Amino acid sequence: MTDRLGELSAAGVAIWLDDLSRTRLSSGGLDQLRREKHLVGVTSNPTIFAKALSDADEYNWQLKDLATRGLEVEEAVRLLTTYDVRWACDVMRPAYDGSAGVDGRVSIEVDPRLAHETEKTVAEAKGLWWLIDRPNLFIKIPATEAGLPAITATLAEGISVNVTLIFGLDRYSQVMEAFLAGLEQAKANGHDLSKIGSVASFFVSRVDSEVDKRLEKIGSDEAKALRGKAAIANAKLAYERYGEVFSSDRWQALADAGAHPQRPLWASTSTKNPDYRDVVYVEELIAPGTVNTMPESVIHAYADHGETRGDTITGSYDEARKVFTDLEAAGVDMTDVIGVLEREGVEKFEASWLELLDGVRNSLQAARQGIGAPNKAAKGNAQAAERAGGNA
């Protein structure tokens, strides 16, 4: 049988899973994906954790212990989630060691309510780094205005960062600048640059969802013909900028000191429109030095019928620019699209985080009252969180 995921990996795409749960860990499912599906990384977000805590009895013993200790809900959430992430880091450690620290990474997000507070974001990042205490950890920091200096400051401390919620090209350029500045400061601070990793999570399907909605509203034949094209064009132009930055003299000086480049990571790669091919955001975004983080369903779909046609990004930049020109001519304001997506992205993760807190609060209360399955009280909250946030 054709090893389609192996072909994708050989083409330079690191395959990551966009999901994490204690059931996946305790069952050996995550390790099986690593061993059999070329999986070399894991991402998580508040929505994923809300769903995980609602669906599995594996959390009951820890919830009971936390309730017995009388912990506040926010501390309980951190202990529950970091337990899973630490375990996942250990599962993925062979991929980390086998790639000299490039892959094998597991991501955990800072409290999304801090997205507009630089100093608190840095403090939270440091706290998570100390608490989990694994070299193959990524701290997820959103690419907001306040997040940019937090990215630099966190990297300067020698902490690896997954920059999340990137939607637009200009913001992506700012993220790469924050990365370079952070590594320069880390070097000045005496950190080993070869130990610091980073990815820039550029969201894909959400762009099409927003743009397609606007194209439908415009309603012309020209507008409708552009549906499903914006997200891939956007990502391809991001990769063009990546190539420019990481071929510069400034970057070479850091590379000479042992630094690894900040790879572009394609996030939100499950198709939201059933009319689109289910693996389109994988097949059309293949290029060396990239990461694609997928729900398990997309991983299995690609293993079944994905087509690896070599590099599908490099050399297609003029075509991608034409898509943007055509979108503008059709009446789509991409600057506004990106602004809306960034605001909604932060708001959705904030909503998911609050639902997660509510669910754990209910679970702790139930545990204190001696109910046998305390985490069941969180199920309704988690389902609401899933609807509000969706997969990354």
Protein backbone atom coordinates (compact mmCIF):
# COMPACT_ATOMS: atom_id res chain seq x y z
CA MET A 1 0.00 0.00 0.00
CA THR A 2 1.09 3.55 -0.68
CA ASP A 3 2.40 5.34 2.39
CA ARG A 4 0.84 8.70 1.59
CA LEU A 5 1.74 10.27 4.91
CA GLY A 6 5.30 9.08 4.45
CA GLU A 7 5.39 10.81 1.08
CA LEU A 8 4.05 14.00 2.67
CA SER A 9 6.71 13.85 5.36
CA ALA A 10 9.42 13.22 2.77
CA ALA A 11 8.24 16.35 0.91
CA GLY A 12 9.22 18.42 3.95
CA VAL A 13 5.89 18.68 5.79
CA ALA A 14 5.94 17.90 9.51
CA ILE A 15 2.68 16.15 10.44
CA TRP A 16 1.18 17.31 13.74
CA LEU A 17 -2.05 16.36 15.49
CA ASP A 18 -4.53 19.07 16.41
CA ASP A 19 -5.93 17.29 19.45
CA LEU A 20 -5.01 16.01 22.89
CA SER A 21 -6.83 14.11 25.63
CA ARG A 22 -5.99 11.84 28.52
CA THR A 23 -7.90 9.03 26.83
CA ARG A 24 -5.65 9.37 23.78
CA LEU A 25 -2.64 9.24 26.08
CA SER A 26 -3.70 6.39 28.35
CA SER A 27 -4.90 4.22 25.47
CA GLY A 28 -1.61 4.54 23.64
CA GLY A 29 -3.39 6.17 20.70
CA LEU A 30 -1.02 9.12 20.52
CA ASP A 31 2.04 6.90 20.54
CA GLN A 32 0.45 4.74 17.84
CA LEU A 33 0.00 7.78 15.60
CA ARG A 34 3.63 8.70 16.20
CA ARG A 35 4.81 5.22 15.31
CA GLU A 36 2.46 4.44 12.41
CA LYS A 37 1.34 7.79 10.90
CA HIS A 38 4.57 9.81 10.89
CA LEU A 39 3.23 12.10 13.62
CA VAL A 40 5.89 14.44 15.00
CA GLY A 41 3.98 17.06 16.99
CA VAL A 42 0.82 17.94 18.90
CA THR A 43 -1.17 21.14 19.38
CA SER A 44 -3.88 21.90 21.91
CA ASN A 45 -6.23 24.78 22.69
CA PRO A 46 -8.91 25.58 25.32
CA THR A 47 -11.69 24.00 23.23
CA ILE A 48 -9.76 20.75 22.90
CA PHE A 49 -9.22 20.61 26.66
CA ALA A 50 -12.87 21.42 27.42
CA LYS A 51 -13.99 18.50 25.29
CA ALA A 52 -11.33 16.17 26.71
CA LEU A 53 -12.26 16.85 30.31
CA SER A 54 -15.95 16.26 29.64
CA ASP A 55 -15.61 12.93 27.85
CA ALA A 56 -13.20 10.85 29.91
CA ASP A 57 -13.35 9.21 33.34
CA GLU A 58 -9.54 9.27 33.47
CA TYR A 59 -9.75 12.74 35.00
CA ASN A 60 -11.93 11.69 37.93
CA TRP A 61 -9.15 10.71 40.29
CA GLN A 62 -7.29 13.98 39.74
CA LEU A 63 -10.46 16.05 40.06
CA LYS A 64 -11.19 14.32 43.36
CA ASP A 65 -7.69 15.04 44.66
CA LEU A 66 -7.86 18.66 43.55
CA ALA A 67 -11.25 19.07 45.20
CA THR A 68 -9.96 17.49 48.41
CA ARG A 69 -7.10 19.97 48.46
CA GLY A 70 -9.55 22.83 48.05
CA LEU A 71 -7.83 24.35 45.02
CA GLU A 72 -9.34 27.28 43.15
CA VAL A 73 -10.66 26.50 39.69
CA GLU A 74 -7.93 28.28 37.70
CA GLU A 75 -5.16 26.43 39.50
CA ALA A 76 -7.06 23.18 39.01
CA VAL A 77 -7.37 23.80 35.26
CA ARG A 78 -3.64 24.40 34.99
CA LEU A 79 -2.79 21.22 36.87
CA LEU A 80 -5.21 19.16 34.78
CA THR A 81 -4.04 20.48 31.43
CA THR A 82 -0.32 20.57 32.17
CA TYR A 83 -0.49 16.95 33.37
CA ASP A 84 -1.69 15.95 29.90
CA VAL A 85 0.81 18.14 28.07
CA ARG A 86 3.72 16.85 30.14
CA TRP A 87 2.65 13.28 29.39
CA ALA A 88 2.32 14.09 25.69
CA CYS A 89 5.81 15.63 25.69
CA ASP A 90 7.16 12.34 27.03
CA VAL A 91 5.28 10.36 24.36
CA MET A 92 6.67 12.61 21.62
CA ARG A 93 10.20 12.67 23.01
CA PRO A 94 11.54 10.12 20.47
CA ALA A 95 10.51 12.45 17.64
CA TYR A 96 12.23 15.33 19.44
CA ASP A 97 15.45 13.42 19.95
CA GLY A 98 15.36 12.00 16.43
CA SER A 99 15.07 15.44 14.84
CA ALA A 100 17.69 17.21 16.96
CA GLY A 101 14.96 19.14 18.73
CA VAL A 102 13.12 20.41 15.67
CA ASP A 103 10.02 18.23 16.01
CA GLY A 104 8.45 16.17 18.76
CA ARG A 105 6.88 19.33 20.18
CA VAL A 106 3.67 19.68 22.18
CA SER A 107 1.92 23.06 22.49
CA ILE A 108 -0.05 24.58 25.35
CA GLU A 109 -1.69 27.99 25.17
CA VAL A 110 -1.43 30.87 27.61
CA ASP A 111 -4.71 32.04 29.12
CA PRO A 112 -6.40 33.70 26.09
CA ARG A 113 -7.83 36.40 28.35
CA LEU A 114 -4.28 37.77 28.47
CA ALA A 115 -4.09 38.27 24.70
CA HIS A 116 -3.91 42.05 25.07
CA GLU A 117 -1.58 42.16 28.10
CA THR A 118 2.10 41.78 27.33
CA GLU A 119 3.66 41.42 30.77
CA LYS A 120 1.04 38.98 32.05
CA THR A 121 1.43 36.87 28.91
CA VAL A 122 5.19 36.62 29.46
CA ALA A 123 4.69 35.73 33.13
CA GLU A 124 2.15 33.07 32.18
CA ALA A 125 4.50 31.65 29.54
CA LYS A 126 7.32 31.39 32.07
CA GLY A 127 5.02 29.76 34.60
CA LEU A 128 3.87 27.10 32.14
CA TRP A 129 7.45 26.46 31.05
CA TRP A 130 8.55 25.90 34.65
CA LEU A 131 5.49 23.81 35.53
CA ILE A 132 5.67 21.38 32.60
CA ASP A 133 9.46 21.29 32.59
CA ARG A 134 10.03 19.51 29.30
CA PRO A 135 12.45 20.66 26.57
CA ASN A 136 10.03 19.73 23.77
CA LEU A 137 7.29 22.08 24.95
CA PHE A 138 5.90 24.99 22.95
CA ILE A 139 4.10 27.88 24.66
CA LYS A 140 1.34 29.25 22.43
CA ILE A 141 1.12 33.05 22.35
CA PRO A 142 -1.43 34.84 20.13
CA ALA A 143 -0.17 37.23 17.45
CA THR A 144 -1.98 40.28 18.79
CA GLU A 145 -0.37 43.72 19.10
CA ALA A 146 0.37 42.97 22.74
CA GLY A 147 1.45 39.46 21.88
CA LEU A 148 4.29 40.55 19.59
CA PRO A 149 6.57 41.97 22.34
CA ALA A 150 5.56 39.03 24.54
CA ILE A 151 6.85 36.66 21.86
CA THR A 152 10.19 38.45 21.79
CA ALA A 153 10.49 38.57 25.58
CA THR A 154 9.56 34.89 25.98
CA LEU A 155 12.07 33.72 23.37
CA ALA A 156 14.70 35.93 25.02
CA GLU A 157 14.23 33.81 28.15
CA GLY A 158 15.13 30.68 26.17
CA ILE A 159 11.52 29.50 26.01
CA SER A 160 10.18 27.93 22.81
CA VAL A 161 7.10 29.57 21.31
CA ASN A 162 4.24 28.60 19.01
CA VAL A 163 2.78 31.87 17.73
CA THR A 164 -0.93 31.34 17.16
CA LEU A 165 -3.87 33.15 15.55
CA ILE A 166 -2.00 34.57 12.55
CA PHE A 167 -4.34 35.45 9.69
CA GLY A 168 -2.70 38.22 7.66
CA LEU A 169 0.56 38.76 5.81
CA ASP A 170 1.58 41.99 7.51
CA ARG A 171 1.04 40.49 10.95
CA TYR A 172 3.04 37.45 9.89
CA SER A 173 5.95 39.72 8.95
CA GLN A 174 5.71 41.29 12.41
CA VAL A 175 5.77 37.81 13.97
CA MET A 176 8.97 36.90 12.14
CA GLU A 177 10.51 40.19 13.27
CA ALA A 178 9.52 39.40 16.87
CA PHE A 179 11.12 35.97 16.48
CA LEU A 180 14.41 37.32 15.15
CA ALA A 181 14.58 39.97 17.88
CA GLY A 182 13.82 37.33 20.51
CA LEU A 183 16.62 35.04 19.34
CA GLU A 184 19.06 37.94 19.19
CA GLN A 185 18.22 38.78 22.79
CA ALA A 186 18.41 35.11 23.78
CA LYS A 187 21.87 34.91 22.29
CA ALA A 188 22.92 38.04 24.19
CA ASN A 189 21.50 36.46 27.35
CA GLY A 190 23.71 33.41 26.88
CA HIS A 191 21.06 30.88 25.84
CA ASP A 192 21.84 27.98 23.52
CA LEU A 193 19.90 28.89 20.36
CA SER A 194 19.86 25.29 19.17
CA LYS A 195 17.52 24.46 22.07
CA ILE A 196 14.94 27.15 21.24
CA GLY A 197 12.19 26.29 18.78
CA SER A 198 9.34 28.23 17.24
CA VAL A 199 6.54 27.89 14.72
CA ALA A 200 4.19 30.54 13.35
CA SER A 201 0.63 29.20 13.16
CA PHE A 202 -0.97 30.67 10.05
CA PHE A 203 -4.70 29.89 10.02
CA VAL A 204 -6.18 28.62 6.78
CA SER A 205 -9.79 27.42 6.57
CA ARG A 206 -11.19 30.26 8.66
CA VAL A 207 -9.99 32.67 5.96
CA ASP A 208 -12.07 30.87 3.33
CA SER A 209 -15.07 30.74 5.64
CA GLU A 210 -15.08 34.52 6.08
CA VAL A 211 -14.19 35.40 2.49
CA ASP A 212 -16.65 32.91 0.97
CA LYS A 213 -19.42 34.38 3.10
CA ARG A 214 -18.67 37.81 1.65
CA LEU A 215 -18.43 36.46 -1.90
CA GLU A 216 -21.83 34.81 -1.54
CA LYS A 217 -23.27 38.11 -0.38
CA ILE A 218 -21.81 39.93 -3.39
CA GLY A 219 -23.40 37.25 -5.53
CA SER A 220 -21.86 37.95 -8.95
CA ASP A 221 -20.51 35.13 -11.11
CA GLU A 222 -17.02 36.60 -10.78
CA ALA A 223 -17.34 36.63 -7.00
CA LYS A 224 -18.65 33.08 -6.77
CA ALA A 225 -15.80 31.84 -8.95
CA LEU A 226 -13.35 32.99 -6.26
CA ARG A 227 -14.80 30.84 -3.49
CA GLY A 228 -12.28 28.56 -1.82
CA LYS A 229 -9.25 30.39 -3.21
CA ALA A 230 -8.41 33.07 -0.64
CA ALA A 231 -7.03 30.89 2.15
CA ILE A 232 -4.56 28.95 0.02
CA ALA A 233 -3.39 32.11 -1.77
CA ASN A 234 -2.92 33.82 1.59
CA ALA A 235 -0.83 30.94 2.93
CA LYS A 236 1.28 30.72 -0.21
CA LEU A 237 2.17 34.41 0.01
CA ALA A 238 3.06 33.87 3.66
CA TYR A 239 5.51 31.18 2.60
CA GLU A 240 7.02 33.60 0.12
CA ARG A 241 7.67 36.03 2.96
CA TYR A 242 9.10 33.21 5.05
CA GLY A 243 11.59 32.46 2.29
CA GLU A 244 12.65 36.09 2.09
CA VAL A 245 13.23 36.49 5.83
CA PHE A 246 15.02 33.19 6.34
CA SER A 247 17.45 33.76 3.50
CA SER A 248 18.59 37.13 4.89
CA ASP A 249 22.00 37.96 6.34
CA ARG A 250 20.34 38.74 9.66
CA TRP A 251 18.94 35.24 9.86
CA GLN A 252 22.20 33.66 8.70
CA ALA A 253 24.02 35.18 11.66
CA LEU A 254 21.55 33.45 14.00
CA ALA A 255 21.72 30.20 12.04
CA ASP A 256 25.50 30.26 12.37
CA ALA A 257 24.96 30.43 16.14
CA GLY A 258 22.86 27.26 16.01
CA ALA A 259 19.34 28.65 15.62
CA HIS A 260 16.53 26.78 13.88
CA PRO A 261 14.18 28.77 11.63
CA GLN A 262 10.66 29.59 12.77
CA ARG A 263 8.68 27.28 10.53
CA PRO A 264 5.28 28.28 9.12
CA LEU A 265 2.58 26.03 10.54
CA TRP A 266 -0.68 25.63 8.65
CA ALA A 267 -3.46 25.59 11.25
CA SER A 268 -7.22 25.18 10.84
CA THR A 269 -6.71 22.71 8.01
CA SER A 270 -9.99 20.81 8.21
CA THR A 271 -12.36 21.98 5.51
CA LYS A 272 -15.46 23.73 6.83
CA ASN A 273 -17.26 23.59 3.46
CA PRO A 274 -18.30 20.02 2.51
CA ASP A 275 -18.09 20.98 -1.17
CA TYR A 276 -14.29 21.23 -0.85
CA ARG A 277 -11.94 18.25 -0.97
CA ASP A 278 -11.35 17.14 2.62
CA VAL A 279 -7.54 17.28 2.27
CA VAL A 280 -7.28 20.39 0.09
CA TYR A 281 -5.54 22.44 2.79
CA VAL A 282 -2.86 19.78 2.99
CA GLU A 283 -2.38 18.96 -0.69
CA GLU A 284 -2.16 22.60 -1.80
CA LEU A 285 0.24 23.67 0.98
CA ILE A 286 3.16 21.29 0.58
CA ALA A 287 6.62 22.81 0.79
CA PRO A 288 9.91 22.11 2.59
CA GLY A 289 10.19 23.34 6.15
CA THR A 290 6.48 23.56 6.89
CA VAL A 291 4.19 22.07 9.53
CA ASN A 292 0.59 20.99 8.98
CA THR A 293 -1.42 20.41 12.15
CA MET A 294 -4.51 18.31 11.43
CA PRO A 295 -7.41 16.77 13.29
CA GLU A 296 -7.11 12.99 13.33
CA SER A 297 -9.86 12.70 10.72
CA VAL A 298 -7.75 14.68 8.23
CA ILE A 299 -4.67 12.57 9.00
CA HIS A 300 -6.60 9.41 8.19
CA ALA A 301 -8.19 11.01 5.12
CA TYR A 302 -4.76 11.94 3.75
CA ALA A 303 -3.45 8.45 4.50
CA ASP A 304 -6.38 7.09 2.46
CA HIS A 305 -6.48 9.39 -0.57
CA GLY A 306 -4.14 12.35 -0.20
CA GLU A 307 -1.95 13.22 -3.18
CA THR A 308 1.61 14.46 -2.65
CA ARG A 309 2.59 16.25 -5.84
CA GLY A 310 5.87 17.69 -4.62
CA ASP A 311 6.17 21.36 -3.69
CA THR A 312 2.78 22.94 -4.41
CA ILE A 313 3.69 26.40 -3.05
CA THR A 314 7.00 27.61 -4.48
CA GLY A 315 6.58 29.26 -7.86
CA SER A 316 2.85 29.92 -7.44
CA TYR A 317 3.19 33.37 -5.90
CA ASP A 318 2.07 35.37 -8.94
CA GLU A 319 -1.05 33.23 -9.19
CA ALA A 320 -1.73 33.83 -5.49
CA ARG A 321 -1.31 37.59 -5.92
CA LYS A 322 -3.81 37.51 -8.76
CA VAL A 323 -6.36 35.93 -6.42
CA PHE A 324 -5.94 38.88 -4.08
CA THR A 325 -6.28 41.32 -6.97
CA ASP A 326 -9.45 39.59 -8.13
CA LEU A 327 -10.88 39.58 -4.60
CA GLU A 328 -10.33 43.30 -4.31
CA ALA A 329 -11.94 43.88 -7.71
CA ALA A 330 -14.92 41.80 -6.60
CA GLY A 331 -15.37 44.01 -3.54
CA VAL A 332 -13.74 41.94 -0.77
CA ASP A 333 -11.71 44.06 1.68
CA MET A 334 -9.02 41.63 2.84
CA THR A 335 -7.73 44.06 5.47
CA ASP A 336 -11.14 44.00 7.07
CA VAL A 337 -11.34 40.22 6.71
CA ILE A 338 -8.07 39.78 8.59
CA GLY A 339 -9.13 42.22 11.32
CA VAL A 340 -12.41 40.41 11.86
CA LEU A 341 -10.72 37.00 11.99
CA GLU A 342 -8.14 38.12 14.54
CA ARG A 343 -10.77 39.63 16.83
CA GLU A 344 -13.04 36.61 16.50
CA GLY A 345 -10.16 34.22 17.03
CA VAL A 346 -9.27 35.77 20.37
CA GLU A 347 -12.93 36.01 21.39
CA LYS A 348 -13.62 32.36 20.53
CA PHE A 349 -10.67 31.10 22.54
CA GLU A 350 -11.64 33.37 25.43
CA ALA A 351 -15.16 31.92 25.33
CA SER A 352 -13.78 28.39 25.27
CA TRP A 353 -11.50 29.15 28.20
CA LEU A 354 -14.40 30.49 30.26
CA GLU A 355 -16.45 27.41 29.42
CA LEU A 356 -13.52 25.24 30.47
CA LEU A 357 -13.33 27.09 33.80
CA ASP A 358 -17.06 26.67 34.32
CA GLY A 359 -16.90 22.98 33.52
CA VAL A 360 -14.03 22.33 35.94
CA ARG A 361 -15.73 24.45 38.60
CA ASN A 362 -18.82 22.27 38.32
CA SER A 363 -16.70 19.13 38.37
CA LEU A 364 -14.87 20.22 41.52
CA GLN A 365 -18.13 21.06 43.21
CA ALA A 366 -19.55 17.68 42.26
CA ALA A 367 -16.43 15.94 43.54
CA ARG A 368 -16.70 17.75 46.86
CA GLN A 369 -20.27 16.54 47.14
CA GLY A 370 -19.13 12.98 46.58
CA ILE A 371 -20.74 12.41 43.18
CA GLY A 372 -19.25 9.36 41.53
CA ALA A 373 -18.54 10.85 38.10
CA PRO A 374 -17.70 14.50 38.77
CA ASN A 375 -16.55 15.43 35.30
CA LYS A 376 -19.95 14.65 33.76
CA ALA A 377 -21.17 18.01 35.05
CA ALA A 378 -18.78 19.66 32.61
CA LYS A 379 -20.19 18.00 29.51
CA GLY A 380 -22.74 20.64 28.58
CA ASN A 381 -20.20 23.41 29.10
CA ALA A 382 -17.63 21.62 26.97
CA GLN A 383 -20.09 21.11 24.14
CA ALA A 384 -20.84 24.83 24.22
CA ALA A 385 -17.13 25.55 24.17
CA GLU A 386 -16.66 23.30 21.16
CA ARG A 387 -19.40 25.13 19.29
CA ALA A 388 -17.95 28.51 20.24
CA GLY A 389 -14.32 27.81 19.44
CA GLY A 390 -14.11 24.98 16.95
CA ASN A 391 -10.86 23.26 16.12
CA ALA A 392 -7.80 25.38 15.57
